[in-house]
């Protein structure tokens, strides 16, 4: 095996290890363990059935909401930081972004039923490239001002993520990784998105 083939194999193994490590970090679903610690109950059997911050806050209050957001945000940031620091390859950090979010959405130890991934995504994007995180946040903020809703602006912002990557001259690999991330977020919110669109259709026209 030639040197270049050795390097390609080493890089592939490194990428797989990075993705697996990021996935495991993402599996620490903050809201689930916070609810277990405080009440002994499974948050996924309550309310909307999500382990996300909004559902946790509904039962444990604002402090639990913010603690869940912070925990989920921090693990996204940690996964990407570790990928950049210890795997020493440009594509490793990009790969860690959808991998840590996948761990949050589908944690193996919780039978692949976790949260919705927004806070984890933002934490990961902020460490990966703050331009991406700030642009997505700005798109959401502008749309929220006009729509006064959170779900549709957030989903539209994630739909725009691959185009935002292209605008900031990210690599094709990064654009692909962010496309996977956007698709995963949309899939996780598919039920809420359908309900939101149905509600919009049923609203009477404004005169």
C-alpha atoms as a PDB file:
ATOM      1  CA  UNK A   1       0.000   0.000   0.000  1.00  0.00           C
ATOM      2  CA  UNK A   2       1.453   3.385  -1.032  1.00  0.00           C
ATOM      3  CA  UNK A   3       1.902   6.330   1.288  1.00  0.00           C
ATOM      4  CA  UNK A   4      -1.072   8.218  -0.156  1.00  0.00           C
ATOM      5  CA  UNK A   5      -3.307   5.199   0.389  1.00  0.00           C
ATOM      6  CA  UNK A   6      -2.085   4.936   3.970  1.00  0.00           C
ATOM      7  CA  UNK A   7      -2.942   8.589   4.515  1.00  0.00           C
ATOM      8  CA  UNK A   8      -6.383   8.204   2.964  1.00  0.00           C
ATOM      9  CA  UNK A   9      -7.106   5.232   5.178  1.00  0.00           C
ATOM     10  CA  UNK A  10      -5.862   7.102   8.254  1.00  0.00           C
ATOM     11  CA  UNK A  11      -8.017  10.121   7.387  1.00  0.00           C
ATOM     12  CA  UNK A  12     -11.064   7.916   6.847  1.00  0.00           C
ATOM     13  CA  UNK A  13     -10.575   6.207  10.201  1.00  0.00           C
ATOM     14  CA  UNK A  14     -10.049   9.569  11.859  1.00  0.00           C
ATOM     15  CA  UNK A  15     -13.256  10.899  10.323  1.00  0.00           C
ATOM     16  CA  UNK A  16     -15.200   7.839  11.508  1.00  0.00           C
ATOM     17  CA  UNK A  17     -13.784   8.171  15.023  1.00  0.00           C
ATOM     18  CA  UNK A  18     -14.612  11.887  15.055  1.00  0.00           C
ATOM     19  CA  UNK A  19     -18.201  11.294  13.945  1.00  0.00           C
ATOM     20  CA  UNK A  20     -18.683   8.525  16.498  1.00  0.00           C
ATOM     21  CA  UNK A  21     -17.253  10.630  19.338  1.00  0.00           C
ATOM     22  CA  UNK A  22     -19.469  13.578  18.360  1.00  0.00           C
ATOM     23  CA  UNK A  23     -22.505  11.301  18.205  1.00  0.00           C
ATOM     24  CA  UNK A  24     -21.790   9.982  21.720  1.00  0.00           C
ATOM     25  CA  UNK A  25     -21.515  13.532  23.078  1.00  0.00           C
ATOM     26  CA  UNK A  26     -24.814  14.376  21.422  1.00  0.00           C
ATOM     27  CA  UNK A  27     -26.464  11.401  23.119  1.00  0.00           C
ATOM     28  CA  UNK A  28     -26.303  13.207  26.462  1.00  0.00           C
ATOM     29  CA  UNK A  29     -29.844  14.581  26.215  1.00  0.00           C
ATOM     30  CA  UNK A  30     -29.922  17.310  28.856  1.00  0.00           C
ATOM     31  CA  UNK A  31     -33.687  17.604  29.210  1.00  0.00           C
ATOM     32  CA  UNK A  32     -34.208  13.882  29.683  1.00  0.00           C
ATOM     33  CA  UNK A  33     -31.657  13.573  32.494  1.00  0.00           C
ATOM     34  CA  UNK A  34     -32.773  16.802  34.143  1.00  0.00           C
ATOM     35  CA  UNK A  35     -36.357  15.547  34.335  1.00  0.00           C
ATOM     36  CA  UNK A  36     -35.181  12.164  35.609  1.00  0.00           C
ATOM     37  CA  UNK A  37     -33.063  13.831  38.281  1.00  0.00           C
ATOM     38  CA  UNK A  38     -35.811  16.137  39.533  1.00  0.00           C
ATOM     39  CA  UNK A  39     -38.931  13.995  39.204  1.00  0.00           C
ATOM     40  CA  UNK A  40     -37.910  10.478  38.161  1.00  0.00           C
ATOM     41  CA  UNK A  41     -40.214  10.760  35.132  1.00  0.00           C
ATOM     42  CA  UNK A  42     -39.497  10.381  31.425  1.00  0.00           C
ATOM     43  CA  UNK A  43     -40.048  13.742  29.711  1.00  0.00           C
ATOM     44  CA  UNK A  44     -40.659  11.913  26.431  1.00  0.00           C
ATOM     45  CA  UNK A  45     -43.875  10.513  27.882  1.00  0.00           C
ATOM     46  CA  UNK A  46     -45.148  13.970  28.752  1.00  0.00           C
ATOM     47  CA  UNK A  47     -46.437  16.942  26.804  1.00  0.00           C
ATOM     48  CA  UNK A  48     -45.154  17.008  23.222  1.00  0.00           C
ATOM     49  CA  UNK A  49     -43.052  13.882  23.774  1.00  0.00           C
ATOM     50  CA  UNK A  50     -39.805  15.715  23.064  1.00  0.00           C
ATOM     51  CA  UNK A  51     -36.753  15.882  25.324  1.00  0.00           C
ATOM     52  CA  UNK A  52     -36.169  19.459  24.193  1.00  0.00           C
ATOM     53  CA  UNK A  53     -36.040  22.627  26.260  1.00  0.00           C
ATOM     54  CA  UNK A  54     -39.570  23.805  25.503  1.00  0.00           C
ATOM     55  CA  UNK A  55     -41.178  20.600  26.711  1.00  0.00           C
ATOM     56  CA  UNK A  56     -38.951  20.472  29.795  1.00  0.00           C
ATOM     57  CA  UNK A  57     -39.754  24.087  30.631  1.00  0.00           C
ATOM     58  CA  UNK A  58     -43.453  23.347  30.377  1.00  0.00           C
ATOM     59  CA  UNK A  59     -43.188  21.036  33.400  1.00  0.00           C
ATOM     60  CA  UNK A  60     -40.162  22.287  35.334  1.00  0.00           C
ATOM     61  CA  UNK A  61     -40.286  26.021  34.714  1.00  0.00           C
ATOM     62  CA  UNK A  62     -38.085  28.676  33.130  1.00  0.00           C
ATOM     63  CA  UNK A  63     -34.911  27.748  34.976  1.00  0.00           C
ATOM     64  CA  UNK A  64     -35.103  24.191  33.621  1.00  0.00           C
ATOM     65  CA  UNK A  65     -35.799  25.562  30.138  1.00  0.00           C
ATOM     66  CA  UNK A  66     -32.655  27.696  30.163  1.00  0.00           C
ATOM     67  CA  UNK A  67     -30.576  24.950  31.763  1.00  0.00           C
ATOM     68  CA  UNK A  68     -31.647  22.528  29.043  1.00  0.00           C
ATOM     69  CA  UNK A  69     -30.844  25.049  26.318  1.00  0.00           C
ATOM     70  CA  UNK A  70     -27.442  25.693  27.869  1.00  0.00           C
ATOM     71  CA  UNK A  71     -26.625  21.994  28.194  1.00  0.00           C
ATOM     72  CA  UNK A  72     -27.681  21.157  24.647  1.00  0.00           C
ATOM     73  CA  UNK A  73     -25.874  24.215  23.258  1.00  0.00           C
ATOM     74  CA  UNK A  74     -22.699  23.365  25.182  1.00  0.00           C
ATOM     75  CA  UNK A  75     -22.490  19.774  23.965  1.00  0.00           C
ATOM     76  CA  UNK A  76     -22.748  20.922  20.349  1.00  0.00           C
ATOM     77  CA  UNK A  77     -19.958  23.412  20.914  1.00  0.00           C
ATOM     78  CA  UNK A  78     -17.844  20.844  22.786  1.00  0.00           C
ATOM     79  CA  UNK A  79     -18.103  18.206  20.062  1.00  0.00           C
ATOM     80  CA  UNK A  80     -16.903  20.572  17.341  1.00  0.00           C
ATOM     81  CA  UNK A  81     -14.146  22.019  19.529  1.00  0.00           C
ATOM     82  CA  UNK A  82     -12.821  18.546  20.323  1.00  0.00           C
ATOM     83  CA  UNK A  83     -12.922  17.589  16.642  1.00  0.00           C
ATOM     84  CA  UNK A  84     -10.895  20.659  15.738  1.00  0.00           C
ATOM     85  CA  UNK A  85      -8.412  20.294  18.582  1.00  0.00           C
ATOM     86  CA  UNK A  86      -7.719  16.558  18.578  1.00  0.00           C
ATOM     87  CA  UNK A  87      -8.586  15.158  15.158  1.00  0.00           C
ATOM     88  CA  UNK A  88      -6.524  17.761  13.322  1.00  0.00           C
ATOM     89  CA  UNK A  89      -8.315  17.652   9.979  1.00  0.00           C
ATOM     90  CA  UNK A  90     -10.402  20.333   8.351  1.00  0.00           C
ATOM     91  CA  UNK A  91     -13.285  18.066   7.514  1.00  0.00           C
ATOM     92  CA  UNK A  92     -13.462  16.547  11.012  1.00  0.00           C
ATOM     93  CA  UNK A  93     -15.075  19.642  12.516  1.00  0.00           C
ATOM     94  CA  UNK A  94     -17.589  19.843   9.661  1.00  0.00           C
ATOM     95  CA  UNK A  95     -18.447  16.190  10.153  1.00  0.00           C
ATOM     96  CA  UNK A  96     -18.875  16.674  13.898  1.00  0.00           C
ATOM     97  CA  UNK A  97     -21.691  19.196  13.385  1.00  0.00           C
ATOM     98  CA  UNK A  98     -24.344  16.827  11.952  1.00  0.00           C
ATOM     99  CA  UNK A  99     -22.957  13.940  14.034  1.00  0.00           C
ATOM    100  CA  UNK A 100     -23.496  15.628  17.408  1.00  0.00           C
ATOM    101  CA  UNK A 101     -26.961  16.754  16.332  1.00  0.00           C
ATOM    102  CA  UNK A 102     -27.756  13.183  15.243  1.00  0.00           C
ATOM    103  CA  UNK A 103     -26.806  12.036  18.741  1.00  0.00           C
ATOM    104  CA  UNK A 104     -29.223  14.548  20.217  1.00  0.00           C
ATOM    105  CA  UNK A 105     -32.049  13.612  17.860  1.00  0.00           C
ATOM    106  CA  UNK A 106     -31.511   9.854  18.010  1.00  0.00           C
ATOM    107  CA  UNK A 107     -29.646   8.895  21.226  1.00  0.00           C
ATOM    108  CA  UNK A 108     -28.928   5.161  21.238  1.00  0.00           C
ATOM    109  CA  UNK A 109     -29.345   4.740  25.006  1.00  0.00           C
ATOM    110  CA  UNK A 110     -32.819   6.321  24.816  1.00  0.00           C
ATOM    111  CA  UNK A 111     -33.978   4.078  21.964  1.00  0.00           C
ATOM    112  CA  UNK A 112     -33.277   6.799  19.410  1.00  0.00           C
ATOM    113  CA  UNK A 113     -35.880   9.232  20.740  1.00  0.00           C
ATOM    114  CA  UNK A 114     -34.367  12.542  21.817  1.00  0.00           C
ATOM    115  CA  UNK A 115     -34.904  16.262  21.278  1.00  0.00           C
ATOM    116  CA  UNK A 116     -35.291  18.518  18.254  1.00  0.00           C
ATOM    117  CA  UNK A 117     -31.695  19.730  17.825  1.00  0.00           C
ATOM    118  CA  UNK A 118     -31.933  23.526  17.492  1.00  0.00           C
ATOM    119  CA  UNK A 119     -29.764  24.488  20.480  1.00  0.00           C
ATOM    120  CA  UNK A 120     -27.230  21.741  19.756  1.00  0.00           C
ATOM    121  CA  UNK A 121     -27.004  22.882  16.130  1.00  0.00           C
ATOM    122  CA  UNK A 122     -26.392  26.497  17.092  1.00  0.00           C
ATOM    123  CA  UNK A 123     -23.682  25.555  19.584  1.00  0.00           C
ATOM    124  CA  UNK A 124     -21.945  23.397  16.987  1.00  0.00           C
ATOM    125  CA  UNK A 125     -22.237  26.047  14.259  1.00  0.00           C
ATOM    126  CA  UNK A 126     -20.948  28.803  16.510  1.00  0.00           C
ATOM    127  CA  UNK A 127     -17.697  26.948  17.178  1.00  0.00           C
ATOM    128  CA  UNK A 128     -17.382  25.661  13.615  1.00  0.00           C
ATOM    129  CA  UNK A 129     -17.819  29.082  11.985  1.00  0.00           C
ATOM    130  CA  UNK A 130     -19.477  31.955  13.813  1.00  0.00           C
ATOM    131  CA  UNK A 131     -20.408  33.554  10.476  1.00  0.00           C
ATOM    132  CA  UNK A 132     -22.793  30.675   9.811  1.00  0.00           C
ATOM    133  CA  UNK A 133     -24.330  30.784  13.279  1.00  0.00           C
ATOM    134  CA  UNK A 134     -24.825  34.559  13.248  1.00  0.00           C
ATOM    135  CA  UNK A 135     -26.296  34.546   9.740  1.00  0.00           C
ATOM    136  CA  UNK A 136     -28.776  31.804  10.623  1.00  0.00           C
ATOM    137  CA  UNK A 137     -29.711  33.659  13.815  1.00  0.00           C
ATOM    138  CA  UNK A 138     -30.162  36.904  11.864  1.00  0.00           C
ATOM    139  CA  UNK A 139     -32.413  35.226   9.293  1.00  0.00           C
ATOM    140  CA  UNK A 140     -34.520  33.816  12.101  1.00  0.00           C
ATOM    141  CA  UNK A 141     -34.726  37.180  13.876  1.00  0.00           C
ATOM    142  CA  UNK A 142     -35.819  39.084  10.769  1.00  0.00           C
ATOM    143  CA  UNK A 143     -38.486  36.527   9.884  1.00  0.00           C
ATOM    144  CA  UNK A 144     -39.688  36.357  13.474  1.00  0.00           C
ATOM    145  CA  UNK A 145     -40.280  40.119  13.517  1.00  0.00           C
ATOM    146  CA  UNK A 146     -42.705  39.779  10.616  1.00  0.00           C
ATOM    147  CA  UNK A 147     -44.235  36.364  11.318  1.00  0.00           C
ATOM    148  CA  UNK A 148     -44.367  36.516  15.145  1.00  0.00           C
ATOM    149  CA  UNK A 149     -43.890  32.758  15.104  1.00  0.00           C
ATOM    150  CA  UNK A 150     -40.793  30.705  15.922  1.00  0.00           C
ATOM    151  CA  UNK A 151     -41.072  27.413  14.046  1.00  0.00           C
ATOM    152  CA  UNK A 152     -41.415  28.534  10.433  1.00  0.00           C
ATOM    153  CA  UNK A 153     -38.653  31.181  10.655  1.00  0.00           C
ATOM    154  CA  UNK A 154     -36.332  28.660  12.311  1.00  0.00           C
ATOM    155  CA  UNK A 155     -36.992  26.007   9.669  1.00  0.00           C
ATOM    156  CA  UNK A 156     -36.512  28.503   6.852  1.00  0.00           C
ATOM    157  CA  UNK A 157     -33.203  29.591   8.381  1.00  0.00           C
ATOM    158  CA  UNK A 158     -31.978  25.980   8.381  1.00  0.00           C
ATOM    159  CA  UNK A 159     -33.163  25.482   4.804  1.00  0.00           C
ATOM    160  CA  UNK A 160     -30.920  28.415   3.895  1.00  0.00           C
ATOM    161  CA  UNK A 161     -27.887  26.948   5.697  1.00  0.00           C
ATOM    162  CA  UNK A 162     -26.293  25.249   2.626  1.00  0.00           C
ATOM    163  CA  UNK A 163     -26.649  28.486   0.647  1.00  0.00           C
ATOM    164  CA  UNK A 164     -25.118  30.433   3.538  1.00  0.00           C
ATOM    165  CA  UNK A 165     -22.160  28.005   3.512  1.00  0.00           C
ATOM    166  CA  UNK A 166     -21.743  28.590  -0.216  1.00  0.00           C
ATOM    167  CA  UNK A 167     -21.879  32.365   0.302  1.00  0.00           C
ATOM    168  CA  UNK A 168     -19.033  32.174   2.836  1.00  0.00           C
ATOM    169  CA  UNK A 169     -16.982  29.999   0.442  1.00  0.00           C
ATOM    170  CA  UNK A 170     -17.062  26.834   2.514  1.00  0.00           C
ATOM    171  CA  UNK A 171     -15.831  23.595   0.946  1.00  0.00           C
ATOM    172  CA  UNK A 172     -18.130  21.223  -0.917  1.00  0.00           C
ATOM    173  CA  UNK A 173     -17.703  18.742   1.932  1.00  0.00           C
ATOM    174  CA  UNK A 174     -18.891  21.346   4.439  1.00  0.00           C
ATOM    175  CA  UNK A 175     -21.856  22.294   2.265  1.00  0.00           C
ATOM    176  CA  UNK A 176     -22.783  18.611   2.092  1.00  0.00           C
ATOM    177  CA  UNK A 177     -22.455  18.193   5.858  1.00  0.00           C
ATOM    178  CA  UNK A 178     -24.644  21.244   6.503  1.00  0.00           C
ATOM    179  CA  UNK A 179     -27.209  19.988   3.999  1.00  0.00           C
ATOM    180  CA  UNK A 180     -27.424  16.769   6.032  1.00  0.00           C
ATOM    181  CA  UNK A 181     -27.814  18.862   9.200  1.00  0.00           C
ATOM    182  CA  UNK A 182     -30.620  20.944   7.696  1.00  0.00           C
ATOM    183  CA  UNK A 183     -32.418  17.821   6.466  1.00  0.00           C
ATOM    184  CA  UNK A 184     -32.148  16.210   9.915  1.00  0.00           C
ATOM    185  CA  UNK A 185     -33.590  19.297  11.619  1.00  0.00           C
ATOM    186  CA  UNK A 186     -36.491  19.482   9.175  1.00  0.00           C
ATOM    187  CA  UNK A 187     -37.169  15.776   9.628  1.00  0.00           C
ATOM    188  CA  UNK A 188     -37.164  16.130  13.426  1.00  0.00           C
ATOM    189  CA  UNK A 189     -39.718  18.955  13.181  1.00  0.00           C
ATOM    190  CA  UNK A 190     -41.851  17.410  10.447  1.00  0.00           C
ATOM    191  CA  UNK A 191     -44.904  16.893  12.662  1.00  0.00           C
ATOM    192  CA  UNK A 192     -44.769  20.384  14.169  1.00  0.00           C
ATOM    193  CA  UNK A 193     -44.164  21.863  10.748  1.00  0.00           C
ATOM    194  CA  UNK A 194     -47.187  20.079   9.314  1.00  0.00           C
ATOM    195  CA  UNK A 195     -49.373  21.324  12.150  1.00  0.00           C
ATOM    196  CA  UNK A 196     -48.104  24.873  11.702  1.00  0.00           C
ATOM    197  CA  UNK A 197     -48.771  24.865   7.965  1.00  0.00           C
ATOM    198  CA  UNK A 198     -52.242  23.398   8.499  1.00  0.00           C
ATOM    199  CA  UNK A 199     -53.020  26.118  11.034  1.00  0.00           C
ATOM    200  CA  UNK A 200     -51.904  28.797   8.590  1.00  0.00           C
ATOM    201  CA  UNK A 201     -54.180  27.390   5.897  1.00  0.00           C
ATOM    202  CA  UNK A 202     -57.150  27.388   8.257  1.00  0.00           C
ATOM    203  CA  UNK A 203     -56.653  30.988   9.408  1.00  0.00           C
ATOM    204  CA  UNK A 204     -59.111  33.470   7.900  1.00  0.00           C
ATOM    205  CA  UNK A 205     -57.563  35.982   5.478  1.00  0.00           C
ATOM    206  CA  UNK A 206     -56.649  39.328   6.972  1.00  0.00           C
ATOM    207  CA  UNK A 207     -58.529  42.292   5.564  1.00  0.00           C
END
